[in-house]
Amino acid sequence: MKQLEVQIMGQSYLLGCPEGGESSLLDAVERVDSAMCKIRDAGKVRARDRIAVLAALNLASEFSQQSAAAVQAMAAAAPPASSHELESGAQDPRLMSLIERLDSALSGDGHLL
């Protein structure tokens, strides 16, 4: 585990990072720093902890929107399964795994609604 010293909103942090993950960590630090500085510079919030929470919520919202858009794009790009494929079970193994996990999660409840 490698340690990197980074600056977020002018404060130093020493962060652990796996070997080869420096670029990804530095990108994340830049995104967090940028989000926090934007909130601070707007002048409405002064407390660092509140700025951090608002930045985290904004970043999580952006990620959620991007993920939803990516799922929609993948669904639109995927060719529709033929009735023969659906009946024979010839589907993507990732899809089958997801369906099994959903079935498992819902089986304990016994109710869908």
C-alpha atoms as a PDB file:
ATOM      1  CA  MET A   1       0.000   0.000   0.000  1.00  0.00           C
ATOM      2  CA  LYS A   2       1.380   3.329  -1.075  1.00  0.00           C
ATOM      3  CA  GLN A   3       0.619   6.624   0.661  1.00  0.00           C
ATOM      4  CA  LEU A   4       0.015   9.892  -1.145  1.00  0.00           C
ATOM      5  CA  GLU A   5      -0.236  13.340   0.360  1.00  0.00           C
ATOM      6  CA  VAL A   6      -2.961  15.341  -1.329  1.00  0.00           C
ATOM      7  CA  GLN A   7      -4.632  18.721  -0.877  1.00  0.00           C
ATOM      8  CA  ILE A   8      -8.397  19.092  -0.681  1.00  0.00           C
ATOM      9  CA  MET A   9      -9.709  22.601  -0.237  1.00  0.00           C
ATOM     10  CA  GLY A  10      -6.306  23.704   1.020  1.00  0.00           C
ATOM     11  CA  GLN A  11      -5.978  20.996   3.679  1.00  0.00           C
ATOM     12  CA  SER A  12      -3.447  18.156   3.485  1.00  0.00           C
ATOM     13  CA  TYR A  13      -4.511  14.541   3.700  1.00  0.00           C
ATOM     14  CA  LEU A  14      -2.354  11.416   3.682  1.00  0.00           C
ATOM     15  CA  LEU A  15      -4.248   8.730   1.781  1.00  0.00           C
ATOM     16  CA  GLY A  16      -3.533   5.038   1.277  1.00  0.00           C
ATOM     17  CA  CYS A  17      -3.559   3.774  -2.256  1.00  0.00           C
ATOM     18  CA  PRO A  18      -2.834   0.385  -3.883  1.00  0.00           C
ATOM     19  CA  GLU A  19       0.161   0.200  -6.200  1.00  0.00           C
ATOM     20  CA  GLY A  20      -0.837   1.398  -9.649  1.00  0.00           C
ATOM     21  CA  GLY A  21      -3.910   3.226  -8.330  1.00  0.00           C
ATOM     22  CA  GLU A  22      -2.281   6.636  -7.987  1.00  0.00           C
ATOM     23  CA  SER A  23      -3.846   8.087 -11.130  1.00  0.00           C
ATOM     24  CA  SER A  24      -7.331   6.994 -10.145  1.00  0.00           C
ATOM     25  CA  LEU A  25      -6.932   8.358  -6.617  1.00  0.00           C
ATOM     26  CA  LEU A  26      -5.568  11.687  -7.851  1.00  0.00           C
ATOM     27  CA  ASP A  27      -8.488  11.982 -10.273  1.00  0.00           C
ATOM     28  CA  ALA A  28     -10.920  11.366  -7.405  1.00  0.00           C
ATOM     29  CA  VAL A  29      -9.127  13.932  -5.236  1.00  0.00           C
ATOM     30  CA  GLU A  30      -9.357  16.499  -8.046  1.00  0.00           C
ATOM     31  CA  ARG A  31     -13.091  15.881  -8.437  1.00  0.00           C
ATOM     32  CA  VAL A  32     -13.738  16.169  -4.684  1.00  0.00           C
ATOM     33  CA  ASP A  33     -11.542  19.264  -4.350  1.00  0.00           C
ATOM     34  CA  SER A  34     -13.255  20.915  -7.305  1.00  0.00           C
ATOM     35  CA  ALA A  35     -16.743  20.109  -5.990  1.00  0.00           C
ATOM     36  CA  MET A  36     -15.912  21.382  -2.503  1.00  0.00           C
ATOM     37  CA  CYS A  37     -14.236  24.580  -3.745  1.00  0.00           C
ATOM     38  CA  LYS A  38     -17.227  25.324  -5.985  1.00  0.00           C
ATOM     39  CA  ILE A  39     -19.578  25.099  -2.984  1.00  0.00           C
ATOM     40  CA  ARG A  40     -17.233  27.148  -0.774  1.00  0.00           C
ATOM     41  CA  ASP A  41     -16.797  29.811  -3.459  1.00  0.00           C
ATOM     42  CA  ALA A  42     -20.563  30.151  -3.866  1.00  0.00           C
ATOM     43  CA  GLY A  43     -20.392  31.650  -0.379  1.00  0.00           C
ATOM     44  CA  LYS A  44     -23.523  30.126   1.094  1.00  0.00           C
ATOM     45  CA  VAL A  45     -21.861  27.434   3.222  1.00  0.00           C
ATOM     46  CA  ARG A  46     -18.836  27.988   5.442  1.00  0.00           C
ATOM     47  CA  ALA A  47     -18.456  24.849   7.553  1.00  0.00           C
ATOM     48  CA  ARG A  48     -16.014  22.364   5.998  1.00  0.00           C
ATOM     49  CA  ASP A  49     -18.067  19.331   7.086  1.00  0.00           C
ATOM     50  CA  ARG A  50     -21.233  20.706   5.473  1.00  0.00           C
ATOM     51  CA  ILE A  51     -19.314  21.526   2.311  1.00  0.00           C
ATOM     52  CA  ALA A  52     -17.987  17.948   2.258  1.00  0.00           C
ATOM     53  CA  VAL A  53     -21.479  16.475   2.675  1.00  0.00           C
ATOM     54  CA  LEU A  54     -22.947  18.667  -0.068  1.00  0.00           C
ATOM     55  CA  ALA A  55     -20.060  17.831  -2.405  1.00  0.00           C
ATOM     56  CA  ALA A  56     -20.492  14.110  -1.690  1.00  0.00           C
ATOM     57  CA  LEU A  57     -24.214  14.332  -2.441  1.00  0.00           C
ATOM     58  CA  ASN A  58     -23.580  16.234  -5.677  1.00  0.00           C
ATOM     59  CA  LEU A  59     -20.957  13.707  -6.816  1.00  0.00           C
ATOM     60  CA  ALA A  60     -23.183  10.756  -5.884  1.00  0.00           C
ATOM     61  CA  SER A  61     -26.069  12.306  -7.804  1.00  0.00           C
ATOM     62  CA  GLU A  62     -23.860  12.823 -10.879  1.00  0.00           C
ATOM     63  CA  PHE A  63     -22.638   9.226 -10.648  1.00  0.00           C
ATOM     64  CA  SER A  64     -26.193   7.928 -10.334  1.00  0.00           C
ATOM     65  CA  GLN A  65     -27.323   9.902 -13.376  1.00  0.00           C
ATOM     66  CA  GLN A  66     -24.324   8.707 -15.413  1.00  0.00           C
ATOM     67  CA  SER A  67     -24.933   5.103 -14.358  1.00  0.00           C
ATOM     68  CA  ALA A  68     -28.602   5.293 -15.304  1.00  0.00           C
ATOM     69  CA  ALA A  69     -27.710   6.808 -18.678  1.00  0.00           C
ATOM     70  CA  ALA A  70     -25.124   4.075 -19.283  1.00  0.00           C
ATOM     71  CA  VAL A  71     -27.649   1.341 -18.444  1.00  0.00           C
ATOM     72  CA  GLN A  72     -30.199   2.907 -20.796  1.00  0.00           C
ATOM     73  CA  ALA A  73     -27.588   3.167 -23.553  1.00  0.00           C
ATOM     74  CA  MET A  74     -26.600  -0.479 -23.081  1.00  0.00           C
ATOM     75  CA  ALA A  75     -30.237  -1.576 -23.130  1.00  0.00           C
ATOM     76  CA  ALA A  76     -30.896   0.422 -26.287  1.00  0.00           C
ATOM     77  CA  ALA A  77     -27.802  -0.998 -28.003  1.00  0.00           C
ATOM     78  CA  ALA A  78     -28.485  -4.626 -27.062  1.00  0.00           C
ATOM     79  CA  PRO A  79     -30.383  -6.589 -29.671  1.00  0.00           C
ATOM     80  CA  PRO A  80     -33.730  -7.838 -28.380  1.00  0.00           C
ATOM     81  CA  ALA A  81     -33.758 -11.470 -27.416  1.00  0.00           C
ATOM     82  CA  SER A  82     -35.810 -13.726 -29.635  1.00  0.00           C
ATOM     83  CA  SER A  83     -38.526 -15.849 -28.073  1.00  0.00           C
ATOM     84  CA  HIS A  84     -36.394 -18.888 -28.873  1.00  0.00           C
ATOM     85  CA  GLU A  85     -33.447 -17.442 -26.921  1.00  0.00           C
ATOM     86  CA  LEU A  86     -35.666 -16.620 -23.960  1.00  0.00           C
ATOM     87  CA  GLU A  87     -37.205 -20.095 -23.937  1.00  0.00           C
ATOM     88  CA  SER A  88     -33.881 -21.881 -24.296  1.00  0.00           C
ATOM     89  CA  GLY A  89     -32.218 -19.792 -21.588  1.00  0.00           C
ATOM     90  CA  ALA A  90     -29.432 -18.685 -23.969  1.00  0.00           C
ATOM     91  CA  GLN A  91     -28.788 -15.368 -22.247  1.00  0.00           C
ATOM     92  CA  ASP A  92     -25.865 -13.331 -21.038  1.00  0.00           C
ATOM     93  CA  PRO A  93     -24.315 -15.018 -17.956  1.00  0.00           C
ATOM     94  CA  ARG A  94     -24.169 -11.630 -16.210  1.00  0.00           C
ATOM     95  CA  LEU A  95     -27.888 -11.211 -16.714  1.00  0.00           C
ATOM     96  CA  MET A  96     -28.564 -14.700 -15.395  1.00  0.00           C
ATOM     97  CA  SER A  97     -26.386 -13.970 -12.346  1.00  0.00           C
ATOM     98  CA  LEU A  98     -28.285 -10.739 -11.697  1.00  0.00           C
ATOM     99  CA  ILE A  99     -31.636 -12.514 -12.014  1.00  0.00           C
ATOM    100  CA  GLU A 100     -30.474 -15.211  -9.581  1.00  0.00           C
ATOM    101  CA  ARG A 101     -29.338 -12.572  -7.072  1.00  0.00           C
ATOM    102  CA  LEU A 102     -32.654 -10.750  -7.373  1.00  0.00           C
ATOM    103  CA  ASP A 103     -34.590 -14.002  -6.928  1.00  0.00           C
ATOM    104  CA  SER A 104     -32.497 -14.812  -3.872  1.00  0.00           C
ATOM    105  CA  ALA A 105     -33.022 -11.370  -2.353  1.00  0.00           C
ATOM    106  CA  LEU A 106     -36.765 -11.461  -2.938  1.00  0.00           C
ATOM    107  CA  SER A 107     -37.304 -15.084  -1.904  1.00  0.00           C
ATOM    108  CA  GLY A 108     -37.011 -14.367   1.815  1.00  0.00           C
ATOM    109  CA  ASP A 109     -39.830 -11.824   1.729  1.00  0.00           C
ATOM    110  CA  GLY A 110     -42.401 -13.868  -0.156  1.00  0.00           C
ATOM    111  CA  HIS A 111     -44.112 -10.706  -1.352  1.00  0.00           C
ATOM    112  CA  LEU A 112     -43.273  -8.562  -4.333  1.00  0.00           C
ATOM    113  CA  LEU A 113     -45.331  -5.578  -3.168  1.00  0.00           C
END
